[in-house]
N, C-alpha and C. Protein backbone atom coordinates (compact mmCIF):
# COMPACT_ATOMS: atom_id res chain seq x y z
N MET A 1 -15.95 29.42 80.14
CA MET A 1 -15.49 28.60 81.26
C MET A 1 -15.30 27.16 80.78
N THR A 2 -14.20 26.55 81.16
CA THR A 2 -13.90 25.17 80.78
C THR A 2 -14.65 24.23 81.70
N GLY A 3 -15.31 23.23 81.13
CA GLY A 3 -16.03 22.25 81.92
C GLY A 3 -15.18 21.04 82.21
N LEU A 4 -15.61 20.24 83.17
CA LEU A 4 -14.85 19.06 83.57
C LEU A 4 -14.73 18.06 82.42
N GLN A 5 -15.76 17.93 81.63
CA GLN A 5 -15.71 16.98 80.51
C GLN A 5 -14.64 17.37 79.50
N ALA A 6 -14.50 18.67 79.23
CA ALA A 6 -13.47 19.12 78.30
C ALA A 6 -12.07 18.85 78.87
N ILE A 7 -11.92 19.02 80.17
CA ILE A 7 -10.63 18.74 80.79
C ILE A 7 -10.31 17.26 80.72
N GLU A 8 -11.32 16.42 80.94
CA GLU A 8 -11.12 14.97 80.82
C GLU A 8 -10.66 14.59 79.41
N SER A 9 -11.26 15.21 78.40
CA SER A 9 -10.89 14.92 77.02
C SER A 9 -9.46 15.33 76.73
N ARG A 10 -9.06 16.48 77.23
CA ARG A 10 -7.69 16.94 77.01
C ARG A 10 -6.70 16.07 77.75
N ALA A 11 -7.00 15.70 78.98
CA ALA A 11 -6.10 14.85 79.75
C ALA A 11 -5.92 13.48 79.09
N ALA A 12 -6.96 13.00 78.43
CA ALA A 12 -6.90 11.68 77.80
C ALA A 12 -5.87 11.62 76.69
N ARG A 13 -5.50 12.75 76.10
CA ARG A 13 -4.47 12.74 75.06
C ARG A 13 -3.13 12.25 75.61
N ASP A 14 -2.90 12.49 76.89
CA ASP A 14 -1.68 12.02 77.54
C ASP A 14 -1.94 10.80 78.41
N ARG A 15 -3.03 10.09 78.10
CA ARG A 15 -3.40 8.88 78.83
C ARG A 15 -3.49 9.14 80.33
N LEU A 16 -4.12 10.26 80.67
CA LEU A 16 -4.42 10.60 82.05
C LEU A 16 -5.93 10.68 82.21
N MET A 17 -6.40 10.40 83.41
CA MET A 17 -7.82 10.53 83.69
C MET A 17 -8.03 11.46 84.88
N VAL A 18 -9.16 12.12 84.89
CA VAL A 18 -9.56 12.90 86.06
C VAL A 18 -10.01 11.88 87.11
N ALA A 19 -9.21 11.72 88.14
CA ALA A 19 -9.46 10.71 89.17
C ALA A 19 -10.21 11.28 90.36
N GLY A 20 -10.62 12.52 90.26
CA GLY A 20 -11.36 13.16 91.34
C GLY A 20 -11.18 14.67 91.26
N ALA A 21 -12.07 15.37 91.91
CA ALA A 21 -12.00 16.83 91.96
C ALA A 21 -12.83 17.30 93.15
N PHE A 22 -12.48 18.46 93.68
CA PHE A 22 -13.26 19.00 94.79
C PHE A 22 -13.07 20.51 94.85
N HIS A 23 -13.93 21.15 95.62
CA HIS A 23 -13.86 22.58 95.85
C HIS A 23 -13.13 22.81 97.17
N PRO A 24 -11.92 23.34 97.15
CA PRO A 24 -11.12 23.45 98.37
C PRO A 24 -11.72 24.40 99.40
N GLY A 25 -11.38 24.10 100.63
CA GLY A 25 -11.73 24.96 101.75
C GLY A 25 -10.50 25.41 102.49
N PRO A 26 -10.67 26.11 103.60
CA PRO A 26 -9.53 26.68 104.33
C PRO A 26 -8.52 25.65 104.83
N GLY A 27 -8.95 24.40 105.08
CA GLY A 27 -8.04 23.42 105.63
C GLY A 27 -7.36 22.52 104.62
N ASP A 28 -7.45 22.85 103.35
CA ASP A 28 -6.93 21.95 102.32
C ASP A 28 -5.53 22.30 101.83
N GLY A 29 -4.93 23.33 102.42
CA GLY A 29 -3.55 23.65 102.08
C GLY A 29 -3.36 24.24 100.71
N LEU A 30 -4.36 24.93 100.19
CA LEU A 30 -4.28 25.52 98.86
C LEU A 30 -4.50 27.03 98.95
N PRO A 31 -3.98 27.78 97.98
CA PRO A 31 -4.20 29.22 97.98
C PRO A 31 -5.69 29.55 97.93
N PRO A 32 -6.12 30.66 98.49
CA PRO A 32 -7.55 30.98 98.55
C PRO A 32 -8.19 31.22 97.19
N ASP A 33 -7.38 31.49 96.15
CA ASP A 33 -7.97 31.74 94.84
C ASP A 33 -8.24 30.45 94.06
N ILE A 34 -7.85 29.30 94.59
CA ILE A 34 -8.11 28.03 93.92
C ILE A 34 -9.53 27.58 94.27
N ALA A 35 -10.40 27.56 93.26
CA ALA A 35 -11.80 27.22 93.47
C ALA A 35 -12.11 25.76 93.17
N THR A 36 -11.29 25.12 92.34
CA THR A 36 -11.47 23.70 92.00
C THR A 36 -10.10 23.05 91.90
N LEU A 37 -9.94 21.91 92.53
CA LEU A 37 -8.71 21.13 92.38
C LEU A 37 -9.04 19.83 91.68
N ILE A 38 -8.30 19.53 90.60
CA ILE A 38 -8.53 18.35 89.78
C ILE A 38 -7.35 17.41 89.96
N LEU A 39 -7.63 16.18 90.33
CA LEU A 39 -6.60 15.16 90.53
C LEU A 39 -6.47 14.30 89.28
N LEU A 40 -5.25 14.05 88.86
CA LEU A 40 -4.98 13.31 87.62
C LEU A 40 -4.22 12.02 87.92
N ALA A 41 -4.66 10.94 87.29
CA ALA A 41 -4.06 9.62 87.47
C ALA A 41 -3.93 8.95 86.12
N PRO A 42 -3.14 7.88 86.03
CA PRO A 42 -3.01 7.15 84.77
C PRO A 42 -4.36 6.62 84.28
N ALA A 43 -4.61 6.78 82.99
CA ALA A 43 -5.80 6.20 82.35
C ALA A 43 -5.38 4.87 81.72
N GLU A 44 -5.97 3.81 82.18
CA GLU A 44 -5.65 2.48 81.68
C GLU A 44 -6.82 1.88 80.93
N PRO A 45 -6.50 1.04 79.94
CA PRO A 45 -5.15 0.71 79.45
C PRO A 45 -4.60 1.79 78.54
N GLY A 46 -3.29 1.79 78.38
CA GLY A 46 -2.64 2.69 77.44
C GLY A 46 -1.63 3.64 78.04
N TYR A 47 -1.71 3.89 79.34
CA TYR A 47 -0.81 4.85 79.96
C TYR A 47 0.65 4.42 79.87
N TRP A 48 0.93 3.16 80.19
CA TRP A 48 2.32 2.72 80.26
C TRP A 48 3.00 2.78 78.89
N ALA A 49 2.31 2.38 77.85
CA ALA A 49 2.88 2.46 76.50
C ALA A 49 3.15 3.91 76.12
N HIS A 50 2.27 4.80 76.53
CA HIS A 50 2.44 6.22 76.22
C HIS A 50 3.65 6.80 76.93
N VAL A 51 3.79 6.52 78.20
CA VAL A 51 4.90 7.08 78.98
C VAL A 51 6.24 6.50 78.54
N THR A 52 6.28 5.19 78.29
CA THR A 52 7.56 4.58 77.92
C THR A 52 7.97 4.91 76.49
N ALA A 53 7.11 5.56 75.74
CA ALA A 53 7.48 6.06 74.41
C ALA A 53 7.90 7.52 74.45
N SER A 54 7.95 8.11 75.64
CA SER A 54 8.24 9.54 75.77
C SER A 54 9.74 9.82 75.71
N ALA A 55 10.07 11.07 75.47
CA ALA A 55 11.47 11.50 75.47
C ALA A 55 12.11 11.33 76.83
N GLU A 56 11.35 11.55 77.89
CA GLU A 56 11.89 11.42 79.23
C GLU A 56 12.31 9.99 79.53
N TRP A 57 11.54 9.03 79.03
CA TRP A 57 11.89 7.62 79.26
C TRP A 57 13.14 7.24 78.46
N ALA A 58 13.30 7.83 77.29
CA ALA A 58 14.39 7.43 76.40
C ALA A 58 15.71 8.09 76.70
N ASP A 59 15.72 9.18 77.46
CA ASP A 59 16.97 9.95 77.58
C ASP A 59 17.94 9.40 78.62
N GLY A 60 17.53 8.40 79.39
CA GLY A 60 18.43 7.75 80.32
C GLY A 60 18.65 8.48 81.63
N ALA A 61 18.04 9.62 81.82
CA ALA A 61 18.18 10.36 83.07
C ALA A 61 17.26 9.77 84.13
N THR A 62 17.49 10.17 85.37
CA THR A 62 16.71 9.63 86.47
C THR A 62 15.29 10.17 86.48
N ASP A 63 14.42 9.46 87.19
CA ASP A 63 13.03 9.87 87.43
C ASP A 63 12.27 10.22 86.14
N PRO A 64 12.25 9.33 85.17
CA PRO A 64 11.59 9.67 83.91
C PRO A 64 10.09 9.92 84.05
N ILE A 65 9.41 9.17 84.91
CA ILE A 65 7.97 9.33 85.01
C ILE A 65 7.62 10.63 85.72
N ASP A 66 8.38 10.98 86.73
CA ASP A 66 8.14 12.27 87.39
C ASP A 66 8.40 13.43 86.43
N ARG A 67 9.45 13.31 85.63
CA ARG A 67 9.76 14.39 84.68
C ARG A 67 8.69 14.46 83.58
N TRP A 68 8.22 13.30 83.14
CA TRP A 68 7.12 13.30 82.16
C TRP A 68 5.88 13.94 82.76
N SER A 69 5.57 13.59 84.00
CA SER A 69 4.39 14.15 84.66
C SER A 69 4.50 15.66 84.77
N THR A 70 5.69 16.14 85.13
CA THR A 70 5.89 17.58 85.25
C THR A 70 5.63 18.28 83.93
N ARG A 71 6.12 17.69 82.84
CA ARG A 71 5.92 18.31 81.53
C ARG A 71 4.46 18.22 81.08
N ALA A 72 3.90 17.01 81.11
CA ALA A 72 2.55 16.81 80.57
C ALA A 72 1.50 17.55 81.38
N ILE A 73 1.55 17.43 82.69
CA ILE A 73 0.55 18.09 83.53
C ILE A 73 0.81 19.58 83.61
N GLY A 74 2.09 19.97 83.56
CA GLY A 74 2.40 21.40 83.52
C GLY A 74 1.85 22.06 82.27
N GLN A 75 1.96 21.39 81.14
CA GLN A 75 1.41 21.94 79.90
C GLN A 75 -0.11 22.05 79.97
N LEU A 76 -0.75 21.04 80.54
CA LEU A 76 -2.20 21.08 80.67
C LEU A 76 -2.62 22.21 81.61
N ALA A 77 -1.89 22.39 82.69
CA ALA A 77 -2.20 23.49 83.61
C ALA A 77 -2.08 24.84 82.91
N ASP A 78 -1.05 24.99 82.08
CA ASP A 78 -0.88 26.24 81.34
C ASP A 78 -2.05 26.47 80.39
N GLU A 79 -2.48 25.41 79.71
CA GLU A 79 -3.61 25.54 78.78
C GLU A 79 -4.89 25.96 79.50
N LEU A 80 -5.02 25.54 80.75
CA LEU A 80 -6.23 25.83 81.52
C LEU A 80 -6.10 27.08 82.37
N ASP A 81 -4.96 27.78 82.23
CA ASP A 81 -4.68 28.93 83.10
C ASP A 81 -4.76 28.53 84.57
N GLY A 82 -4.24 27.35 84.86
CA GLY A 82 -4.25 26.83 86.21
C GLY A 82 -2.85 26.68 86.77
N ARG A 83 -2.77 26.03 87.90
CA ARG A 83 -1.49 25.81 88.58
C ARG A 83 -1.37 24.33 88.90
N ALA A 84 -0.18 23.77 88.70
CA ALA A 84 0.03 22.34 88.90
C ALA A 84 0.70 22.05 90.24
N TRP A 85 0.28 20.97 90.86
CA TRP A 85 0.94 20.41 92.04
C TRP A 85 1.27 18.95 91.76
N PHE A 86 2.33 18.44 92.42
CA PHE A 86 2.79 17.08 92.18
C PHE A 86 3.05 16.37 93.50
N PRO A 87 2.91 15.04 93.52
CA PRO A 87 3.15 14.28 94.76
C PRO A 87 4.62 13.98 95.01
N PHE A 88 5.50 14.57 94.25
CA PHE A 88 6.95 14.38 94.39
C PHE A 88 7.61 15.75 94.43
N GLY A 89 8.91 15.76 94.69
CA GLY A 89 9.65 17.01 94.65
C GLY A 89 9.78 17.72 95.99
N GLY A 90 9.24 17.15 97.04
CA GLY A 90 9.34 17.78 98.36
C GLY A 90 10.58 17.36 99.10
N PRO A 91 10.70 17.73 100.38
CA PRO A 91 9.68 18.45 101.15
C PRO A 91 9.70 19.95 100.86
N PRO A 92 8.56 20.62 101.15
CA PRO A 92 7.31 20.04 101.66
C PRO A 92 6.58 19.28 100.56
N HIS A 93 5.76 18.33 100.97
CA HIS A 93 5.01 17.51 100.02
C HIS A 93 3.54 17.93 100.02
N ALA A 94 2.98 18.01 98.85
CA ALA A 94 1.55 18.32 98.75
C ALA A 94 0.75 17.17 99.35
N PRO A 95 -0.35 17.46 100.05
CA PRO A 95 -1.11 16.41 100.78
C PRO A 95 -2.05 15.62 99.87
N PHE A 96 -1.47 14.85 98.95
CA PHE A 96 -2.30 14.13 97.98
C PHE A 96 -3.21 13.10 98.62
N PHE A 97 -2.78 12.46 99.70
CA PHE A 97 -3.63 11.49 100.37
C PHE A 97 -4.90 12.17 100.87
N ALA A 98 -4.73 13.29 101.51
CA ALA A 98 -5.90 14.04 102.01
C ALA A 98 -6.74 14.56 100.85
N TRP A 99 -6.10 15.05 99.81
CA TRP A 99 -6.85 15.54 98.65
C TRP A 99 -7.66 14.41 98.00
N ALA A 100 -7.08 13.23 97.92
CA ALA A 100 -7.79 12.09 97.34
C ALA A 100 -9.05 11.79 98.14
N ARG A 101 -8.93 11.78 99.46
CA ARG A 101 -10.10 11.54 100.30
C ARG A 101 -11.14 12.66 100.13
N ARG A 102 -10.69 13.88 99.99
CA ARG A 102 -11.59 15.03 99.83
C ARG A 102 -12.38 14.94 98.52
N SER A 103 -11.81 14.27 97.54
CA SER A 103 -12.47 14.21 96.23
C SER A 103 -13.74 13.37 96.25
N GLY A 104 -13.89 12.53 97.27
CA GLY A 104 -15.05 11.66 97.33
C GLY A 104 -14.96 10.45 96.43
N ARG A 105 -13.80 10.23 95.80
CA ARG A 105 -13.63 9.08 94.92
C ARG A 105 -12.52 8.15 95.37
N ALA A 106 -11.97 8.39 96.55
CA ALA A 106 -10.95 7.51 97.13
C ALA A 106 -11.21 7.40 98.63
N TRP A 107 -10.99 6.19 99.15
CA TRP A 107 -11.31 5.91 100.54
C TRP A 107 -10.21 5.03 101.13
N ALA A 108 -10.18 4.93 102.45
CA ALA A 108 -9.32 3.95 103.10
C ALA A 108 -9.91 2.57 102.86
N SER A 109 -9.10 1.67 102.34
CA SER A 109 -9.55 0.30 102.07
C SER A 109 -9.45 -0.53 103.35
N PRO A 110 -9.93 -1.77 103.34
CA PRO A 110 -9.79 -2.63 104.51
C PRO A 110 -8.34 -2.86 104.93
N VAL A 111 -7.38 -2.69 104.00
CA VAL A 111 -5.97 -2.84 104.33
C VAL A 111 -5.28 -1.48 104.50
N THR A 112 -6.07 -0.44 104.61
CA THR A 112 -5.65 0.94 104.88
C THR A 112 -5.14 1.69 103.65
N LEU A 113 -4.72 1.00 102.59
CA LEU A 113 -4.31 1.68 101.37
C LEU A 113 -5.50 2.39 100.76
N LEU A 114 -5.24 3.45 99.99
CA LEU A 114 -6.32 4.11 99.28
C LEU A 114 -6.92 3.17 98.22
N VAL A 115 -8.23 3.18 98.13
CA VAL A 115 -8.92 2.47 97.06
C VAL A 115 -9.77 3.49 96.30
N HIS A 116 -9.73 3.38 94.98
CA HIS A 116 -10.39 4.35 94.09
C HIS A 116 -11.55 3.68 93.39
N ASP A 117 -12.55 4.46 93.01
CA ASP A 117 -13.75 3.88 92.42
C ASP A 117 -13.51 3.27 91.04
N VAL A 118 -12.44 3.66 90.35
CA VAL A 118 -12.11 3.09 89.04
C VAL A 118 -10.83 2.26 89.11
N ALA A 119 -9.79 2.79 89.71
CA ALA A 119 -8.48 2.13 89.72
C ALA A 119 -8.31 1.14 90.85
N GLY A 120 -9.24 1.08 91.78
CA GLY A 120 -9.10 0.17 92.90
C GLY A 120 -7.86 0.49 93.72
N LEU A 121 -7.14 -0.56 94.11
CA LEU A 121 -5.92 -0.38 94.90
C LEU A 121 -4.72 -0.02 94.04
N MET A 122 -4.92 0.11 92.74
CA MET A 122 -3.84 0.53 91.83
C MET A 122 -3.79 2.05 91.66
N ILE A 123 -4.58 2.78 92.40
CA ILE A 123 -4.61 4.22 92.21
C ILE A 123 -3.26 4.85 92.50
N SER A 124 -2.84 5.73 91.63
CA SER A 124 -1.62 6.53 91.83
C SER A 124 -1.87 7.87 91.17
N TYR A 125 -1.56 8.93 91.87
CA TYR A 125 -1.81 10.27 91.35
C TYR A 125 -0.52 10.83 90.78
N ARG A 126 -0.61 11.32 89.54
CA ARG A 126 0.56 11.90 88.88
C ARG A 126 0.64 13.40 89.08
N GLY A 127 -0.44 14.02 89.48
CA GLY A 127 -0.42 15.46 89.71
C GLY A 127 -1.82 15.98 89.93
N ALA A 128 -1.91 17.28 90.14
CA ALA A 128 -3.19 17.95 90.34
C ALA A 128 -3.11 19.34 89.72
N ILE A 129 -4.25 19.82 89.29
CA ILE A 129 -4.33 21.16 88.70
C ILE A 129 -5.39 21.96 89.45
N GLY A 130 -4.97 23.12 89.93
CA GLY A 130 -5.89 24.02 90.60
C GLY A 130 -6.36 25.11 89.66
N LEU A 131 -7.66 25.37 89.66
CA LEU A 131 -8.27 26.40 88.81
C LEU A 131 -8.95 27.45 89.68
N ASN A 132 -9.00 28.67 89.18
CA ASN A 132 -9.75 29.69 89.91
C ASN A 132 -11.22 29.71 89.52
N GLN A 133 -11.63 28.77 88.67
CA GLN A 133 -13.03 28.59 88.30
C GLN A 133 -13.65 27.53 89.21
N ARG A 134 -14.86 27.75 89.62
CA ARG A 134 -15.59 26.75 90.39
C ARG A 134 -16.40 25.89 89.42
N LEU A 135 -15.87 24.73 89.09
CA LEU A 135 -16.53 23.86 88.13
C LEU A 135 -17.66 23.08 88.78
N ASP A 136 -18.66 22.75 87.98
CA ASP A 136 -19.71 21.84 88.44
C ASP A 136 -19.11 20.44 88.52
N LEU A 137 -19.32 19.77 89.65
CA LEU A 137 -18.76 18.45 89.86
C LEU A 137 -19.87 17.43 90.11
N PRO A 138 -19.68 16.21 89.63
CA PRO A 138 -20.70 15.18 89.85
C PRO A 138 -20.74 14.73 91.30
N ALA A 139 -21.84 14.13 91.69
CA ALA A 139 -21.94 13.58 93.03
C ALA A 139 -20.97 12.41 93.18
N PRO A 140 -20.37 12.24 94.35
CA PRO A 140 -19.41 11.15 94.53
C PRO A 140 -20.08 9.79 94.49
N PRO A 141 -19.38 8.77 94.01
CA PRO A 141 -19.93 7.41 93.97
C PRO A 141 -19.87 6.77 95.35
N PRO A 142 -20.53 5.63 95.53
CA PRO A 142 -20.42 4.92 96.81
C PRO A 142 -19.04 4.27 96.97
N ARG A 143 -18.65 4.05 98.20
CA ARG A 143 -17.38 3.38 98.50
C ARG A 143 -17.47 1.93 98.03
N PRO A 144 -16.58 1.51 97.12
CA PRO A 144 -16.71 0.17 96.53
C PRO A 144 -16.53 -0.96 97.54
N CYS A 145 -15.74 -0.75 98.57
CA CYS A 145 -15.49 -1.81 99.54
C CYS A 145 -16.76 -2.20 100.28
N ASP A 146 -17.73 -1.28 100.36
CA ASP A 146 -18.96 -1.57 101.09
C ASP A 146 -19.79 -2.65 100.40
N SER A 147 -19.61 -2.82 99.11
CA SER A 147 -20.36 -3.84 98.37
C SER A 147 -19.47 -5.01 97.94
N CYS A 148 -18.22 -5.02 98.40
CA CYS A 148 -17.29 -6.11 98.07
C CYS A 148 -17.47 -7.22 99.11
N GLU A 149 -18.07 -8.32 98.70
CA GLU A 149 -18.43 -9.36 99.66
C GLU A 149 -17.23 -10.16 100.15
N THR A 150 -16.26 -10.43 99.27
CA THR A 150 -15.16 -11.32 99.64
C THR A 150 -13.97 -10.59 100.25
N ARG A 151 -13.79 -9.34 99.90
CA ARG A 151 -12.65 -8.54 100.39
C ARG A 151 -11.33 -9.33 100.31
N PRO A 152 -10.93 -9.72 99.09
CA PRO A 152 -9.73 -10.55 98.94
C PRO A 152 -8.45 -9.85 99.36
N CYS A 153 -8.46 -8.53 99.43
CA CYS A 153 -7.26 -7.80 99.84
C CYS A 153 -6.79 -8.20 101.23
N LEU A 154 -7.73 -8.59 102.10
CA LEU A 154 -7.38 -8.87 103.49
C LEU A 154 -6.50 -10.11 103.66
N SER A 155 -6.57 -11.03 102.71
CA SER A 155 -5.82 -12.28 102.85
C SER A 155 -4.83 -12.52 101.71
N ALA A 156 -4.58 -11.51 100.87
CA ALA A 156 -3.78 -11.72 99.67
C ALA A 156 -2.28 -11.66 99.90
N CYS A 157 -1.83 -11.00 100.95
CA CYS A 157 -0.38 -10.80 101.13
C CYS A 157 0.30 -12.10 101.53
N PRO A 158 1.22 -12.63 100.73
CA PRO A 158 1.87 -13.89 101.05
C PRO A 158 2.83 -13.78 102.23
N ALA A 159 3.22 -12.57 102.56
CA ALA A 159 4.13 -12.35 103.68
C ALA A 159 3.39 -12.00 104.96
N GLY A 160 2.08 -11.80 104.87
CA GLY A 160 1.33 -11.34 106.03
C GLY A 160 1.72 -9.94 106.46
N ALA A 161 2.28 -9.17 105.53
CA ALA A 161 2.79 -7.85 105.87
C ALA A 161 1.73 -6.76 105.71
N LEU A 162 0.70 -7.01 104.91
CA LEU A 162 -0.33 -6.01 104.64
C LEU A 162 -1.69 -6.65 104.86
N THR A 163 -2.29 -6.33 105.99
CA THR A 163 -3.56 -6.91 106.40
C THR A 163 -4.44 -5.82 106.99
N GLY A 164 -5.57 -6.23 107.52
CA GLY A 164 -6.45 -5.28 108.18
C GLY A 164 -5.83 -4.67 109.41
N ALA A 165 -4.77 -5.30 109.94
CA ALA A 165 -4.09 -4.77 111.12
C ALA A 165 -3.11 -3.66 110.77
N GLY A 166 -2.84 -3.46 109.48
CA GLY A 166 -1.90 -2.43 109.07
C GLY A 166 -0.81 -2.98 108.17
N TYR A 167 0.27 -2.22 108.04
CA TYR A 167 1.33 -2.54 107.10
C TYR A 167 2.64 -2.69 107.84
N ASP A 168 3.24 -3.88 107.75
CA ASP A 168 4.56 -4.16 108.33
C ASP A 168 5.58 -3.97 107.21
N LEU A 169 6.16 -2.79 107.11
CA LEU A 169 7.07 -2.46 106.03
C LEU A 169 8.30 -3.36 106.03
N ALA A 170 8.85 -3.61 107.20
CA ALA A 170 10.06 -4.44 107.27
C ALA A 170 9.78 -5.86 106.79
N ALA A 171 8.63 -6.41 107.16
CA ALA A 171 8.29 -7.77 106.72
C ALA A 171 8.10 -7.82 105.21
N CYS A 172 7.53 -6.76 104.63
CA CYS A 172 7.35 -6.69 103.18
C CYS A 172 8.70 -6.71 102.47
N HIS A 173 9.61 -5.87 102.89
CA HIS A 173 10.93 -5.82 102.25
C HIS A 173 11.68 -7.14 102.44
N ALA A 174 11.57 -7.75 103.61
CA ALA A 174 12.25 -9.02 103.85
C ALA A 174 11.72 -10.10 102.93
N PHE A 175 10.41 -10.12 102.69
CA PHE A 175 9.82 -11.11 101.80
C PHE A 175 10.29 -10.90 100.37
N LEU A 176 10.39 -9.67 99.94
CA LEU A 176 10.83 -9.39 98.58
C LEU A 176 12.27 -9.82 98.33
N GLU A 177 13.05 -9.97 99.38
CA GLU A 177 14.43 -10.43 99.24
C GLU A 177 14.51 -11.93 99.00
N ARG A 178 13.45 -12.65 99.31
CA ARG A 178 13.48 -14.11 99.20
C ARG A 178 12.97 -14.56 97.83
N PRO A 179 13.32 -15.76 97.39
CA PRO A 179 12.88 -16.24 96.08
C PRO A 179 11.36 -16.21 95.92
N GLU A 180 10.63 -16.53 96.97
CA GLU A 180 9.18 -16.56 96.87
C GLU A 180 8.58 -15.16 96.72
N GLY A 181 9.40 -14.14 96.91
CA GLY A 181 8.93 -12.78 96.69
C GLY A 181 9.03 -12.31 95.26
N GLY A 182 9.50 -13.20 94.37
CA GLY A 182 9.72 -12.80 92.98
C GLY A 182 8.46 -12.38 92.25
N ASP A 183 7.33 -13.00 92.57
CA ASP A 183 6.08 -12.63 91.90
C ASP A 183 5.68 -11.20 92.25
N CYS A 184 5.75 -10.87 93.53
CA CYS A 184 5.41 -9.50 93.94
C CYS A 184 6.41 -8.49 93.34
N LEU A 185 7.67 -8.85 93.35
CA LEU A 185 8.69 -7.93 92.85
C LEU A 185 8.57 -7.72 91.35
N GLY A 186 8.21 -8.76 90.63
CA GLY A 186 8.14 -8.66 89.17
C GLY A 186 6.81 -8.19 88.63
N ASN A 187 5.73 -8.45 89.36
CA ASN A 187 4.40 -8.16 88.84
C ASN A 187 3.59 -7.20 89.69
N GLY A 188 4.14 -6.81 90.82
CA GLY A 188 3.44 -5.88 91.69
C GLY A 188 2.80 -6.55 92.89
N CYS A 189 2.45 -5.76 93.86
CA CYS A 189 1.89 -6.21 95.13
C CYS A 189 0.65 -7.08 94.91
N ARG A 190 0.63 -8.25 95.53
CA ARG A 190 -0.51 -9.15 95.37
C ARG A 190 -1.78 -8.58 96.01
N VAL A 191 -1.62 -7.82 97.05
CA VAL A 191 -2.79 -7.22 97.69
C VAL A 191 -3.45 -6.24 96.73
N ARG A 192 -2.67 -5.40 96.11
CA ARG A 192 -3.23 -4.45 95.15
C ARG A 192 -3.88 -5.19 93.97
N ARG A 193 -3.24 -6.27 93.53
CA ARG A 193 -3.77 -7.03 92.40
C ARG A 193 -5.04 -7.80 92.75
N ALA A 194 -5.23 -8.11 94.03
CA ALA A 194 -6.38 -8.91 94.44
C ALA A 194 -7.68 -8.14 94.36
N CYS A 195 -7.63 -6.84 94.45
CA CYS A 195 -8.84 -6.02 94.43
C CYS A 195 -9.57 -6.19 93.09
N PRO A 196 -10.87 -6.50 93.11
CA PRO A 196 -11.61 -6.66 91.85
C PRO A 196 -11.55 -5.43 90.95
N LEU A 197 -11.57 -4.25 91.53
CA LEU A 197 -11.46 -3.04 90.71
C LEU A 197 -10.08 -2.93 90.08
N SER A 198 -9.05 -3.29 90.81
CA SER A 198 -7.69 -3.29 90.25
C SER A 198 -7.61 -4.20 89.04
N GLN A 199 -8.23 -5.36 89.13
CA GLN A 199 -8.18 -6.34 88.04
C GLN A 199 -8.90 -5.83 86.80
N ALA A 200 -9.88 -4.98 86.97
CA ALA A 200 -10.61 -4.43 85.83
C ALA A 200 -9.99 -3.15 85.28
N TYR A 201 -8.99 -2.65 85.94
CA TYR A 201 -8.43 -1.35 85.60
C TYR A 201 -7.53 -1.38 84.37
N GLY A 202 -6.85 -2.49 84.13
CA GLY A 202 -6.03 -2.61 82.93
C GLY A 202 -4.58 -2.21 83.09
N ARG A 203 -4.11 -2.09 84.32
CA ARG A 203 -2.70 -1.75 84.52
C ARG A 203 -1.83 -2.97 84.22
N LEU A 204 -0.75 -2.75 83.46
CA LEU A 204 0.11 -3.84 83.03
C LEU A 204 1.01 -4.33 84.16
N PRO A 205 1.29 -5.64 84.21
CA PRO A 205 2.20 -6.16 85.24
C PRO A 205 3.58 -5.52 85.19
N GLU A 206 4.08 -5.22 84.00
CA GLU A 206 5.42 -4.62 83.92
C GLU A 206 5.46 -3.24 84.54
N GLN A 207 4.36 -2.51 84.49
CA GLN A 207 4.31 -1.22 85.14
C GLN A 207 4.35 -1.38 86.66
N SER A 208 3.54 -2.31 87.17
CA SER A 208 3.54 -2.55 88.61
C SER A 208 4.89 -3.06 89.09
N GLY A 209 5.52 -3.94 88.29
CA GLY A 209 6.83 -4.43 88.65
C GLY A 209 7.88 -3.34 88.68
N TYR A 210 7.81 -2.42 87.74
CA TYR A 210 8.76 -1.30 87.70
C TYR A 210 8.67 -0.49 89.00
N HIS A 211 7.46 -0.17 89.41
CA HIS A 211 7.30 0.63 90.62
C HIS A 211 7.67 -0.16 91.87
N MET A 212 7.39 -1.46 91.88
CA MET A 212 7.75 -2.26 93.03
C MET A 212 9.26 -2.35 93.19
N ARG A 213 9.98 -2.45 92.10
CA ARG A 213 11.44 -2.51 92.19
C ARG A 213 12.01 -1.18 92.66
N LEU A 214 11.41 -0.07 92.25
CA LEU A 214 11.85 1.23 92.78
C LEU A 214 11.58 1.33 94.28
N PHE A 215 10.44 0.82 94.69
CA PHE A 215 10.09 0.82 96.12
C PHE A 215 11.09 0.00 96.93
N HIS A 216 11.56 -1.11 96.37
CA HIS A 216 12.38 -2.04 97.12
C HIS A 216 13.89 -1.78 97.02
N ARG A 217 14.29 -0.89 96.12
CA ARG A 217 15.74 -0.76 95.92
C ARG A 217 16.42 -0.09 97.12
């Protein structure tokens, strides 16, 4: 039987980390033979350099990161005799938000975005692998926001679009159109960057800027 530590070591070759795992139940939208679901996210630092050196990034076709994820995580799933799911390619879409919460390592932050115990507000899931083995899983960590005294995420948005009251999508896009939105557009969302865990995660500004420009196009 493959253990979680061995899976973490194998995922690290593709600069991925096990960002959570859980034992599915009837309400999780998974086949009944899936005994463990493993969530995979970028391992920082190093993920962006790895992905941008891939064949998918170099070939000029659309959606290079999704295609890289399909290949890399699909290969890992095959090695583990498992099945891969991805947060793209729908509809229907796999319920990654719910799965993240089920893992016990991601929670709703004060600004409603998911916050992860390692990646902070920079968490992004590239895929998941379901196994028919019931792996031993560690106890979940405490919610990091509960010990965050300053909660800088609540006041970081220069447009006032992302606060404890929720997310004003139209106001966010309007701000990104203005010159003062250049920092967010080029380096990523200031709210996500304000989280202390995000700052310790090691995600590069160019990676955040790439995804922000895709979001805003």
